[in-house]
């Protein structure tokens, strides 16, 4: 049985069943993605939400959950963001990832950053909050060099001892691949970070 077929149960009838048959478990949909499957899309969406075949994440945004022995599985962050933005160009991560760079940061953050080219602001999607920030450039995946630069960019927002982190950042310069770090500063650093990096390298 396919994932889409598993969403169809005998309790579904007519056009509602037809809409359910068009869903793929685990995917996030916008209302307009499904409208062609129904001549009364809003009523059928409400019915599928009431039956647990869809979960409403936000206005016009729905998730068709995969089922496990423990119940419906939540969507991945990537699926939620892709559905919300209608775009694949984004980078999702938590500021807690900065702790892996080795600059003395230890805080854990219960928020998710989304660097993208379209939307800016904090949005509640399902039971999660996503902090969308429009950026001209960002990598396709996290790297130690990017996290180093982004940490310095956002240092004033973090619950860390600023002076300690800056001291560690300067002392750890030699532990990075110099060329890669220079490229990361050039591509992703804000004005303050680029200026600070030039001063450190010139010292």
N, C-alpha and C. Protein backbone atom coordinates (compact mmCIF):
# COMPACT_ATOMS: atom_id res chain seq x y z
N UNK A 1 0.85 -1.20 0.00
CA UNK A 1 0.00 0.00 0.00
C UNK A 1 0.88 1.24 0.00
N UNK A 2 0.58 2.20 -0.87
CA UNK A 2 1.37 3.42 -0.93
C UNK A 2 1.02 4.33 0.21
N UNK A 3 1.91 5.34 0.44
CA UNK A 3 1.65 6.30 1.52
C UNK A 3 0.36 7.05 1.26
N UNK A 4 0.13 7.40 -0.03
CA UNK A 4 -1.09 8.14 -0.34
C UNK A 4 -2.32 7.28 -0.10
N UNK A 5 -2.24 6.00 -0.50
CA UNK A 5 -3.39 5.13 -0.33
C UNK A 5 -3.71 4.88 1.13
N UNK A 6 -2.68 4.88 1.98
CA UNK A 6 -2.91 4.62 3.39
C UNK A 6 -3.73 5.70 4.06
N UNK A 7 -3.83 6.87 3.40
CA UNK A 7 -4.62 7.96 3.96
C UNK A 7 -6.10 7.78 3.64
N UNK A 8 -6.42 6.87 2.74
CA UNK A 8 -7.81 6.64 2.36
C UNK A 8 -8.40 5.54 3.23
N UNK A 9 -9.46 5.84 3.93
CA UNK A 9 -10.12 4.86 4.78
C UNK A 9 -11.57 4.73 4.35
N UNK A 10 -12.24 3.66 4.73
CA UNK A 10 -13.64 3.48 4.35
C UNK A 10 -14.56 4.59 4.82
N UNK A 11 -14.17 5.34 5.85
CA UNK A 11 -15.03 6.40 6.37
C UNK A 11 -15.03 7.63 5.48
N UNK A 12 -14.11 7.68 4.54
CA UNK A 12 -14.07 8.80 3.61
C UNK A 12 -14.95 8.49 2.41
N UNK A 13 -15.68 9.51 1.94
CA UNK A 13 -16.61 9.28 0.84
C UNK A 13 -16.46 10.37 -0.21
N UNK A 14 -16.77 9.99 -1.45
CA UNK A 14 -16.89 10.93 -2.54
C UNK A 14 -15.68 11.83 -2.73
N UNK A 15 -15.97 13.15 -2.83
CA UNK A 15 -14.93 14.12 -3.13
C UNK A 15 -13.89 14.21 -2.02
N UNK A 16 -14.31 13.99 -0.78
CA UNK A 16 -13.36 14.02 0.33
C UNK A 16 -12.35 12.88 0.19
N UNK A 17 -12.85 11.70 -0.19
CA UNK A 17 -11.96 10.56 -0.41
C UNK A 17 -11.03 10.82 -1.58
N UNK A 18 -11.53 11.48 -2.62
CA UNK A 18 -10.71 11.81 -3.78
C UNK A 18 -9.57 12.75 -3.38
N UNK A 19 -9.88 13.71 -2.52
CA UNK A 19 -8.85 14.62 -2.05
C UNK A 19 -7.82 13.88 -1.21
N UNK A 20 -8.27 12.99 -0.33
CA UNK A 20 -7.35 12.22 0.51
C UNK A 20 -6.43 11.35 -0.33
N UNK A 21 -6.98 10.81 -1.43
CA UNK A 21 -6.18 9.94 -2.30
C UNK A 21 -5.05 10.71 -2.98
N UNK A 22 -5.20 12.02 -3.09
CA UNK A 22 -4.17 12.83 -3.74
C UNK A 22 -3.06 13.27 -2.82
N UNK A 23 -3.16 12.94 -1.53
CA UNK A 23 -2.15 13.37 -0.56
C UNK A 23 -1.01 12.38 -0.47
N UNK A 24 0.15 12.88 -0.15
CA UNK A 24 1.33 12.06 0.11
C UNK A 24 1.73 12.24 1.57
N UNK A 25 1.76 11.15 2.30
CA UNK A 25 2.07 11.23 3.73
C UNK A 25 3.44 11.85 3.95
N UNK A 26 3.49 12.77 4.91
CA UNK A 26 4.74 13.44 5.24
C UNK A 26 4.93 14.77 4.56
N UNK A 27 4.07 15.08 3.59
CA UNK A 27 4.24 16.33 2.84
C UNK A 27 3.41 17.47 3.43
N UNK A 28 3.88 18.68 3.15
CA UNK A 28 3.19 19.90 3.56
C UNK A 28 2.62 20.55 2.30
N UNK A 29 1.36 20.97 2.38
CA UNK A 29 0.66 21.53 1.22
C UNK A 29 0.10 22.91 1.54
N UNK A 30 0.08 23.74 0.53
CA UNK A 30 -0.69 24.97 0.59
C UNK A 30 -2.07 24.69 0.01
N UNK A 31 -3.03 25.49 0.43
CA UNK A 31 -4.41 25.29 -0.03
C UNK A 31 -4.48 25.22 -1.54
N UNK A 32 -3.76 26.14 -2.21
CA UNK A 32 -3.85 26.18 -3.67
C UNK A 32 -3.25 24.95 -4.34
N UNK A 33 -2.37 24.24 -3.61
CA UNK A 33 -1.82 23.00 -4.17
C UNK A 33 -2.88 21.91 -4.30
N UNK A 34 -3.93 22.00 -3.49
CA UNK A 34 -4.95 20.94 -3.43
C UNK A 34 -6.28 21.35 -4.06
N UNK A 35 -6.42 22.62 -4.40
CA UNK A 35 -7.72 23.12 -4.85
C UNK A 35 -8.22 22.41 -6.10
N UNK A 36 -7.32 21.97 -6.96
CA UNK A 36 -7.75 21.33 -8.20
C UNK A 36 -8.35 19.94 -7.96
N UNK A 37 -8.17 19.39 -6.75
CA UNK A 37 -8.70 18.07 -6.44
C UNK A 37 -10.12 18.11 -5.88
N UNK A 38 -10.66 19.32 -5.72
CA UNK A 38 -11.97 19.44 -5.07
C UNK A 38 -12.73 20.63 -5.62
N UNK A 39 -14.07 20.49 -5.66
CA UNK A 39 -14.91 21.63 -6.05
C UNK A 39 -15.45 22.38 -4.84
N UNK A 40 -15.05 21.92 -3.64
CA UNK A 40 -15.42 22.60 -2.39
C UNK A 40 -14.25 22.43 -1.42
N UNK A 41 -13.12 23.00 -1.81
CA UNK A 41 -11.85 22.68 -1.14
C UNK A 41 -11.87 23.02 0.34
N UNK A 42 -12.44 24.14 0.73
CA UNK A 42 -12.39 24.52 2.14
C UNK A 42 -13.19 23.56 3.01
N UNK A 43 -14.35 23.13 2.54
CA UNK A 43 -15.16 22.18 3.30
C UNK A 43 -14.45 20.83 3.41
N UNK A 44 -13.86 20.39 2.32
CA UNK A 44 -13.17 19.09 2.34
C UNK A 44 -11.90 19.14 3.19
N UNK A 45 -11.22 20.26 3.18
CA UNK A 45 -10.04 20.40 4.04
C UNK A 45 -10.45 20.34 5.51
N UNK A 46 -11.55 21.01 5.86
CA UNK A 46 -12.02 20.98 7.24
C UNK A 46 -12.37 19.55 7.66
N UNK A 47 -12.99 18.80 6.74
CA UNK A 47 -13.35 17.42 7.05
C UNK A 47 -12.11 16.56 7.30
N UNK A 48 -11.10 16.73 6.46
CA UNK A 48 -9.88 15.93 6.61
C UNK A 48 -9.11 16.32 7.86
N UNK A 49 -9.16 17.60 8.23
CA UNK A 49 -8.52 18.03 9.49
C UNK A 49 -9.27 17.42 10.67
N UNK A 50 -10.59 17.44 10.62
CA UNK A 50 -11.40 16.89 11.72
C UNK A 50 -11.15 15.40 11.89
N UNK A 51 -10.84 14.71 10.80
CA UNK A 51 -10.61 13.27 10.84
C UNK A 51 -9.15 12.92 11.11
N UNK A 52 -8.28 13.94 11.19
CA UNK A 52 -6.87 13.68 11.45
C UNK A 52 -6.07 13.29 10.23
N UNK A 53 -6.68 13.38 9.04
CA UNK A 53 -5.96 13.05 7.81
C UNK A 53 -5.06 14.20 7.38
N UNK A 54 -5.39 15.39 7.82
CA UNK A 54 -4.57 16.58 7.63
C UNK A 54 -4.42 17.29 8.96
N UNK A 55 -3.31 17.99 9.12
CA UNK A 55 -3.11 18.87 10.27
C UNK A 55 -2.90 20.28 9.75
N UNK A 56 -3.62 21.23 10.33
CA UNK A 56 -3.48 22.62 9.90
C UNK A 56 -2.30 23.26 10.63
N UNK A 57 -1.33 23.74 9.86
CA UNK A 57 -0.14 24.37 10.43
C UNK A 57 -0.29 25.87 10.56
N UNK A 58 -0.99 26.47 9.61
CA UNK A 58 -1.23 27.91 9.59
C UNK A 58 -2.33 28.15 8.57
N UNK A 59 -2.76 29.41 8.42
CA UNK A 59 -3.79 29.71 7.45
C UNK A 59 -3.34 29.28 6.06
N UNK A 60 -4.07 28.33 5.45
CA UNK A 60 -3.75 27.89 4.11
C UNK A 60 -2.58 26.93 4.01
N UNK A 61 -2.09 26.40 5.15
CA UNK A 61 -0.94 25.50 5.16
C UNK A 61 -1.28 24.24 5.94
N UNK A 62 -1.10 23.07 5.32
CA UNK A 62 -1.53 21.81 5.90
C UNK A 62 -0.45 20.74 5.77
N UNK A 63 -0.48 19.80 6.70
CA UNK A 63 0.46 18.68 6.71
C UNK A 63 -0.33 17.38 6.68
N UNK A 64 0.08 16.47 5.77
CA UNK A 64 -0.50 15.12 5.73
C UNK A 64 0.44 14.20 6.52
N UNK A 65 0.12 13.88 7.77
CA UNK A 65 1.09 13.20 8.63
C UNK A 65 1.32 11.73 8.26
N UNK A 66 2.57 11.33 8.41
CA UNK A 66 2.88 9.91 8.37
C UNK A 66 2.45 9.30 9.70
N UNK A 67 2.04 8.04 9.65
CA UNK A 67 1.59 7.37 10.86
C UNK A 67 2.67 6.42 11.37
N UNK A 68 2.83 6.36 12.67
CA UNK A 68 3.74 5.41 13.30
C UNK A 68 2.98 4.67 14.39
N UNK A 69 3.63 3.72 15.02
CA UNK A 69 2.98 2.98 16.11
C UNK A 69 2.67 3.88 17.29
N UNK A 70 3.29 5.07 17.32
CA UNK A 70 3.06 6.03 18.41
C UNK A 70 2.10 7.14 18.00
N UNK A 71 1.58 7.06 16.78
CA UNK A 71 0.66 8.08 16.32
C UNK A 71 1.24 8.86 15.15
N UNK A 72 0.59 9.98 14.77
CA UNK A 72 1.07 10.77 13.63
C UNK A 72 2.41 11.42 13.92
N UNK A 73 3.27 11.42 12.91
CA UNK A 73 4.60 12.02 13.04
C UNK A 73 4.55 13.48 12.61
N UNK A 74 5.26 14.36 13.31
CA UNK A 74 5.28 15.77 12.90
C UNK A 74 6.07 15.95 11.61
N UNK A 75 5.82 17.01 10.88
CA UNK A 75 6.59 17.26 9.66
C UNK A 75 8.00 17.69 9.99
N UNK A 76 8.92 17.48 9.07
CA UNK A 76 10.28 17.97 9.25
C UNK A 76 10.29 19.48 9.08
N UNK A 77 11.27 20.13 9.67
CA UNK A 77 11.40 21.58 9.51
C UNK A 77 11.51 21.97 8.05
N UNK A 78 12.29 21.19 7.28
CA UNK A 78 12.48 21.50 5.87
C UNK A 78 11.15 21.45 5.11
N UNK A 79 10.31 20.45 5.40
CA UNK A 79 9.02 20.35 4.72
C UNK A 79 8.13 21.53 5.07
N UNK A 80 8.11 21.91 6.33
CA UNK A 80 7.27 23.04 6.76
C UNK A 80 7.72 24.33 6.07
N UNK A 81 9.02 24.58 6.11
CA UNK A 81 9.54 25.82 5.53
C UNK A 81 9.36 25.85 4.02
N UNK A 82 9.61 24.73 3.37
CA UNK A 82 9.44 24.66 1.91
C UNK A 82 7.99 24.93 1.52
N UNK A 83 7.05 24.36 2.27
CA UNK A 83 5.64 24.61 1.98
C UNK A 83 5.24 26.05 2.24
N UNK A 84 5.76 26.63 3.31
CA UNK A 84 5.43 28.01 3.67
C UNK A 84 5.99 28.99 2.65
N UNK A 85 7.25 28.80 2.28
CA UNK A 85 7.89 29.73 1.36
C UNK A 85 7.55 29.48 -0.10
N UNK A 86 7.13 28.26 -0.42
CA UNK A 86 7.00 27.83 -1.81
C UNK A 86 8.34 28.03 -2.52
N UNK A 87 9.39 27.60 -1.86
CA UNK A 87 10.75 27.83 -2.35
C UNK A 87 11.67 26.80 -1.69
N UNK A 88 12.75 26.45 -2.37
CA UNK A 88 13.72 25.52 -1.82
C UNK A 88 15.00 26.22 -1.39
N UNK A 89 15.06 27.53 -1.58
CA UNK A 89 16.27 28.28 -1.24
C UNK A 89 16.16 28.82 0.18
N UNK A 90 16.64 28.05 1.16
CA UNK A 90 16.62 28.49 2.55
C UNK A 90 17.60 27.65 3.34
N UNK A 91 17.93 28.14 4.53
CA UNK A 91 18.80 27.42 5.47
C UNK A 91 18.14 27.45 6.83
N UNK A 92 17.87 26.28 7.39
CA UNK A 92 17.20 26.16 8.69
C UNK A 92 18.20 25.65 9.72
N UNK A 93 18.29 26.35 10.86
CA UNK A 93 19.17 25.88 11.93
C UNK A 93 18.81 26.57 13.25
N UNK A 94 19.31 26.00 14.34
CA UNK A 94 19.13 26.59 15.66
C UNK A 94 20.41 27.30 16.08
N UNK A 95 20.30 28.43 16.78
CA UNK A 95 21.51 29.08 17.31
C UNK A 95 22.32 28.16 18.23
N UNK A 96 21.71 27.09 18.73
CA UNK A 96 22.46 26.13 19.55
C UNK A 96 23.61 25.51 18.76
N UNK A 97 23.53 25.55 17.42
CA UNK A 97 24.59 25.00 16.58
C UNK A 97 25.90 25.75 16.75
N UNK A 98 25.83 27.00 17.24
CA UNK A 98 27.06 27.76 17.46
C UNK A 98 27.98 27.08 18.47
N UNK A 99 27.40 26.28 19.36
CA UNK A 99 28.19 25.63 20.41
C UNK A 99 29.23 24.67 19.84
N UNK A 100 29.02 24.21 18.60
CA UNK A 100 29.94 23.25 18.00
C UNK A 100 31.22 23.92 17.46
N UNK A 101 31.23 25.25 17.44
CA UNK A 101 32.39 25.95 16.85
C UNK A 101 33.56 26.02 17.82
N UNK A 102 33.31 25.87 19.12
CA UNK A 102 34.39 25.88 20.09
C UNK A 102 34.81 27.25 20.55
N UNK A 103 33.86 28.19 20.60
CA UNK A 103 34.18 29.55 21.05
C UNK A 103 33.67 29.83 22.45
N UNK A 104 33.36 28.78 23.19
CA UNK A 104 32.94 28.94 24.57
C UNK A 104 31.46 29.16 24.76
N UNK A 105 30.67 29.09 23.68
CA UNK A 105 29.22 29.24 23.83
C UNK A 105 28.62 27.93 24.33
N UNK A 106 27.65 28.05 25.22
CA UNK A 106 27.06 26.86 25.85
C UNK A 106 25.54 26.89 25.90
N UNK A 107 24.94 28.02 25.55
CA UNK A 107 23.49 28.16 25.69
C UNK A 107 22.75 27.29 24.68
N UNK A 108 21.58 26.79 25.10
CA UNK A 108 20.68 26.07 24.21
C UNK A 108 19.49 26.96 23.93
N UNK A 109 19.08 27.03 22.67
CA UNK A 109 18.05 27.97 22.26
C UNK A 109 16.85 27.22 21.71
N UNK A 110 15.68 27.59 22.20
CA UNK A 110 14.45 26.96 21.75
C UNK A 110 13.82 27.78 20.63
N UNK A 111 14.58 28.03 19.61
CA UNK A 111 14.06 28.74 18.45
C UNK A 111 14.78 28.26 17.20
N UNK A 112 14.17 28.51 16.08
CA UNK A 112 14.70 28.03 14.81
C UNK A 112 14.82 29.21 13.85
N UNK A 113 16.01 29.41 13.32
CA UNK A 113 16.26 30.46 12.35
C UNK A 113 16.05 29.91 10.94
N UNK A 114 15.49 30.73 10.08
CA UNK A 114 15.34 30.37 8.67
C UNK A 114 15.88 31.53 7.83
N UNK A 115 17.06 31.34 7.26
CA UNK A 115 17.61 32.33 6.34
C UNK A 115 17.03 32.05 4.96
N UNK A 116 16.50 33.09 4.33
CA UNK A 116 15.82 32.91 3.05
C UNK A 116 15.83 34.23 2.28
N UNK A 117 15.24 34.21 1.08
CA UNK A 117 15.22 35.40 0.23
C UNK A 117 13.85 36.08 0.16
N UNK A 118 12.84 35.56 0.89
CA UNK A 118 11.47 36.03 0.69
C UNK A 118 10.79 36.64 1.90
N UNK A 119 10.87 35.98 3.04
CA UNK A 119 10.04 36.36 4.18
C UNK A 119 10.89 36.77 5.37
N UNK A 120 10.36 37.73 6.14
CA UNK A 120 11.04 38.19 7.35
C UNK A 120 10.02 38.30 8.47
N UNK A 121 10.35 37.76 9.63
CA UNK A 121 9.46 37.83 10.77
C UNK A 121 9.35 36.48 11.46
N UNK A 122 8.72 36.49 12.63
CA UNK A 122 8.52 35.27 13.41
C UNK A 122 7.12 34.74 13.10
N UNK A 123 7.05 33.48 12.67
CA UNK A 123 5.78 32.88 12.28
C UNK A 123 5.55 31.59 13.07
N UNK A 124 4.32 31.42 13.54
CA UNK A 124 3.90 30.19 14.21
C UNK A 124 3.39 29.24 13.15
N UNK A 125 4.08 28.12 12.97
CA UNK A 125 3.68 27.12 11.99
C UNK A 125 3.50 25.81 12.73
N UNK A 126 2.25 25.39 12.89
CA UNK A 126 1.97 24.24 13.75
C UNK A 126 2.25 24.62 15.19
N UNK A 127 2.98 23.77 15.89
CA UNK A 127 3.32 24.07 17.29
C UNK A 127 4.74 24.60 17.43
N UNK A 128 5.29 25.12 16.33
CA UNK A 128 6.66 25.62 16.33
C UNK A 128 6.70 27.07 15.88
N UNK A 129 7.67 27.80 16.42
CA UNK A 129 7.93 29.16 15.95
C UNK A 129 9.19 29.16 15.09
N UNK A 130 9.11 29.83 13.95
CA UNK A 130 10.25 29.95 13.05
C UNK A 130 10.57 31.43 12.88
N UNK A 131 11.84 31.77 13.05
CA UNK A 131 12.31 33.14 12.90
C UNK A 131 12.90 33.29 11.50
N UNK A 132 12.08 33.81 10.57
CA UNK A 132 12.51 33.98 9.18
C UNK A 132 13.30 35.29 9.04
N UNK A 133 14.45 35.19 8.38
CA UNK A 133 15.27 36.37 8.16
C UNK A 133 15.74 36.40 6.70
N UNK A 134 15.46 37.51 6.04
CA UNK A 134 15.89 37.67 4.66
C UNK A 134 17.38 37.97 4.63
N UNK A 135 18.11 37.16 3.89
CA UNK A 135 19.55 37.33 3.75
C UNK A 135 19.91 37.31 2.26
N UNK A 136 20.87 38.14 1.85
CA UNK A 136 21.27 38.11 0.44
C UNK A 136 21.99 36.83 0.06
N UNK A 137 22.73 36.25 1.02
CA UNK A 137 23.50 35.03 0.75
C UNK A 137 23.54 34.17 2.00
N UNK A 138 23.53 32.88 1.77
CA UNK A 138 23.71 31.90 2.84
C UNK A 138 24.09 30.58 2.18
N UNK A 139 24.80 29.70 2.89
CA UNK A 139 25.22 28.44 2.28
C UNK A 139 24.07 27.45 2.20
N UNK A 140 24.27 26.39 1.43
CA UNK A 140 23.25 25.34 1.33
C UNK A 140 23.22 24.48 2.59
N UNK A 141 24.35 24.39 3.29
CA UNK A 141 24.41 23.63 4.53
C UNK A 141 25.38 24.30 5.49
N UNK A 142 25.27 23.96 6.76
CA UNK A 142 26.11 24.57 7.78
C UNK A 142 27.56 24.09 7.64
N UNK A 143 28.46 24.99 7.94
CA UNK A 143 29.88 24.64 8.04
C UNK A 143 30.45 25.34 9.27
N UNK A 144 31.58 24.87 9.74
CA UNK A 144 32.21 25.48 10.91
C UNK A 144 32.55 26.95 10.64
N UNK A 145 33.00 27.23 9.43
CA UNK A 145 33.36 28.61 9.09
C UNK A 145 32.13 29.52 9.05
N UNK A 146 31.05 29.03 8.47
CA UNK A 146 29.83 29.84 8.43
C UNK A 146 29.32 30.11 9.84
N UNK A 147 29.32 29.08 10.69
CA UNK A 147 28.82 29.26 12.06
C UNK A 147 29.68 30.25 12.84
N UNK A 148 30.98 30.23 12.61
CA UNK A 148 31.89 31.20 13.25
C UNK A 148 31.48 32.62 12.87
N UNK A 149 31.28 32.83 11.57
CA UNK A 149 30.93 34.17 11.07
C UNK A 149 29.54 34.57 11.55
N UNK A 150 28.59 33.67 11.47
CA UNK A 150 27.22 34.01 11.84
C UNK A 150 27.10 34.26 13.34
N UNK A 151 27.87 33.54 14.13
CA UNK A 151 27.90 33.79 15.57
C UNK A 151 28.36 35.22 15.85
N UNK A 152 29.41 35.65 15.17
CA UNK A 152 29.88 37.03 15.38
C UNK A 152 28.84 38.03 14.88
N UNK A 153 28.18 37.73 13.78
CA UNK A 153 27.12 38.62 13.27
C UNK A 153 26.02 38.83 14.31
N UNK A 154 25.66 37.75 15.02
CA UNK A 154 24.50 37.77 15.91
C UNK A 154 24.86 37.83 17.39
N UNK A 155 26.09 38.15 17.69
CA UNK A 155 26.57 38.07 19.06
C UNK A 155 25.72 38.88 20.04
N UNK A 156 25.26 40.05 19.62
CA UNK A 156 24.49 40.91 20.52
C UNK A 156 23.12 40.33 20.85
N UNK A 157 22.65 39.34 20.09
CA UNK A 157 21.35 38.74 20.34
C UNK A 157 21.43 37.54 21.28
N UNK A 158 22.63 37.06 21.53
CA UNK A 158 22.80 35.78 22.23
C UNK A 158 23.02 35.97 23.73
N UNK A 159 22.61 34.94 24.47
CA UNK A 159 22.75 34.97 25.94
C UNK A 159 24.14 34.43 26.31
N UNK A 160 25.15 35.11 25.86
CA UNK A 160 26.54 34.70 26.11
C UNK A 160 27.32 35.91 26.62
N UNK A 161 28.46 35.64 27.25
CA UNK A 161 29.37 36.72 27.66
C UNK A 161 30.11 37.21 26.41
N UNK A 162 29.76 38.40 25.96
CA UNK A 162 30.26 38.92 24.69
C UNK A 162 31.78 38.99 24.66
N UNK A 163 32.39 39.48 25.72
CA UNK A 163 33.84 39.64 25.74
C UNK A 163 34.56 38.30 25.72
N UNK A 164 34.00 37.31 26.42
CA UNK A 164 34.61 35.98 26.43
C UNK A 164 34.56 35.36 25.04
N UNK A 165 33.40 35.48 24.37
CA UNK A 165 33.26 34.90 23.03
C UNK A 165 34.21 35.57 22.05
N UNK A 166 34.31 36.90 22.12
CA UNK A 166 35.21 37.61 21.21
C UNK A 166 36.67 37.21 21.44
N UNK A 167 37.05 37.06 22.70
CA UNK A 167 38.41 36.63 23.01
C UNK A 167 38.69 35.24 22.45
N UNK A 168 37.73 34.33 22.63
CA UNK A 168 37.87 32.98 22.09
C UNK A 168 37.91 32.98 20.57
N UNK A 169 37.06 33.81 19.96
CA UNK A 169 37.01 33.88 18.50
C UNK A 169 38.36 34.32 17.93
N UNK A 170 38.98 35.27 18.59
CA UNK A 170 40.28 35.75 18.11
C UNK A 170 41.37 34.70 18.32
N UNK A 171 41.34 34.05 19.47
CA UNK A 171 42.39 33.07 19.77
C UNK A 171 42.26 31.80 18.93
N UNK A 172 41.04 31.52 18.42
CA UNK A 172 40.81 30.29 17.66
C UNK A 172 41.01 30.47 16.15
N UNK A 173 41.42 31.64 15.72
CA UNK A 173 41.56 31.88 14.28
C UNK A 173 42.47 30.86 13.61
N UNK A 174 43.56 30.50 14.28
CA UNK A 174 44.54 29.59 13.67
C UNK A 174 44.00 28.18 13.51
N UNK A 175 42.88 27.86 14.17
CA UNK A 175 42.33 26.51 14.07
C UNK A 175 41.46 26.32 12.83
N UNK A 176 41.24 27.39 12.09
CA UNK A 176 40.40 27.33 10.90
C UNK A 176 41.26 27.31 9.64
N UNK A 177 40.70 26.75 8.59
CA UNK A 177 41.30 26.87 7.28
C UNK A 177 41.19 28.33 6.86
N UNK A 178 42.32 29.00 6.71
CA UNK A 178 42.34 30.45 6.52
C UNK A 178 41.55 30.87 5.28
N UNK A 179 41.73 30.14 4.18
CA UNK A 179 41.05 30.52 2.93
C UNK A 179 39.55 30.37 3.07
N UNK A 180 39.10 29.25 3.67
CA UNK A 180 37.67 29.04 3.84
C UNK A 180 37.05 30.09 4.76
N UNK A 181 37.77 30.44 5.81
CA UNK A 181 37.25 31.43 6.75
C UNK A 181 37.16 32.80 6.09
N UNK A 182 38.18 33.16 5.31
CA UNK A 182 38.14 34.43 4.59
C UNK A 182 36.94 34.49 3.65
N UNK A 183 36.67 33.38 2.95
CA UNK A 183 35.53 33.34 2.03
C UNK A 183 34.22 33.48 2.79
N UNK A 184 34.12 32.83 3.95
CA UNK A 184 32.90 32.92 4.75
C UNK A 184 32.68 34.34 5.25
N UNK A 185 33.75 35.00 5.70
CA UNK A 185 33.63 36.39 6.15
C UNK A 185 33.20 37.28 5.00
N UNK A 186 33.80 37.08 3.84
CA UNK A 186 33.47 37.89 2.66
C UNK A 186 32.03 37.69 2.23
N UNK A 187 31.56 36.44 2.23
CA UNK A 187 30.23 36.12 1.70
C UNK A 187 29.10 36.36 2.69
N UNK A 188 29.38 36.13 4.00
CA UNK A 188 28.29 36.11 4.97
C UNK A 188 28.45 37.10 6.13
N UNK A 189 29.61 37.71 6.27
CA UNK A 189 29.83 38.60 7.39
C UNK A 189 29.15 39.95 7.21
N UNK A 190 28.61 40.50 8.32
CA UNK A 190 28.10 41.86 8.24
C UNK A 190 29.27 42.84 8.36
N UNK A 191 28.98 44.12 8.31
CA UNK A 191 30.06 45.12 8.27
C UNK A 191 30.93 45.04 9.52
N UNK A 192 30.30 44.87 10.69
CA UNK A 192 31.06 44.82 11.94
C UNK A 192 31.96 43.59 11.98
N UNK A 193 31.46 42.46 11.51
CA UNK A 193 32.25 41.23 11.53
C UNK A 193 33.41 41.33 10.56
N UNK A 194 33.19 41.89 9.38
CA UNK A 194 34.29 42.04 8.41
C UNK A 194 35.37 42.98 8.93
N UNK A 195 34.92 44.06 9.58
CA UNK A 195 35.88 45.01 10.14
C UNK A 195 36.69 44.37 11.25
N UNK A 196 36.01 43.64 12.14
CA UNK A 196 36.69 42.98 13.26
C UNK A 196 37.70 41.95 12.74
N UNK A 197 37.32 41.20 11.72
CA UNK A 197 38.20 40.19 11.15
C UNK A 197 39.45 40.81 10.54
N UNK A 198 39.28 41.93 9.84
CA UNK A 198 40.45 42.63 9.25
C UNK A 198 41.39 43.09 10.33
N UNK A 199 40.82 43.62 11.43
CA UNK A 199 41.66 44.09 12.54
C UNK A 199 42.43 42.93 13.17
N UNK A 200 41.76 41.80 13.37
CA UNK A 200 42.42 40.65 13.97
C UNK A 200 43.53 40.11 13.06
N UNK A 201 43.26 40.05 11.78
CA UNK A 201 44.24 39.50 10.85
C UNK A 201 45.41 40.45 10.65
N UNK A 202 45.16 41.74 10.86
CA UNK A 202 46.23 42.72 10.68
C UNK A 202 47.10 42.89 11.90
N UNK A 203 46.60 42.31 13.04
CA UNK A 203 47.33 42.49 14.31
C UNK A 203 48.58 41.62 14.32
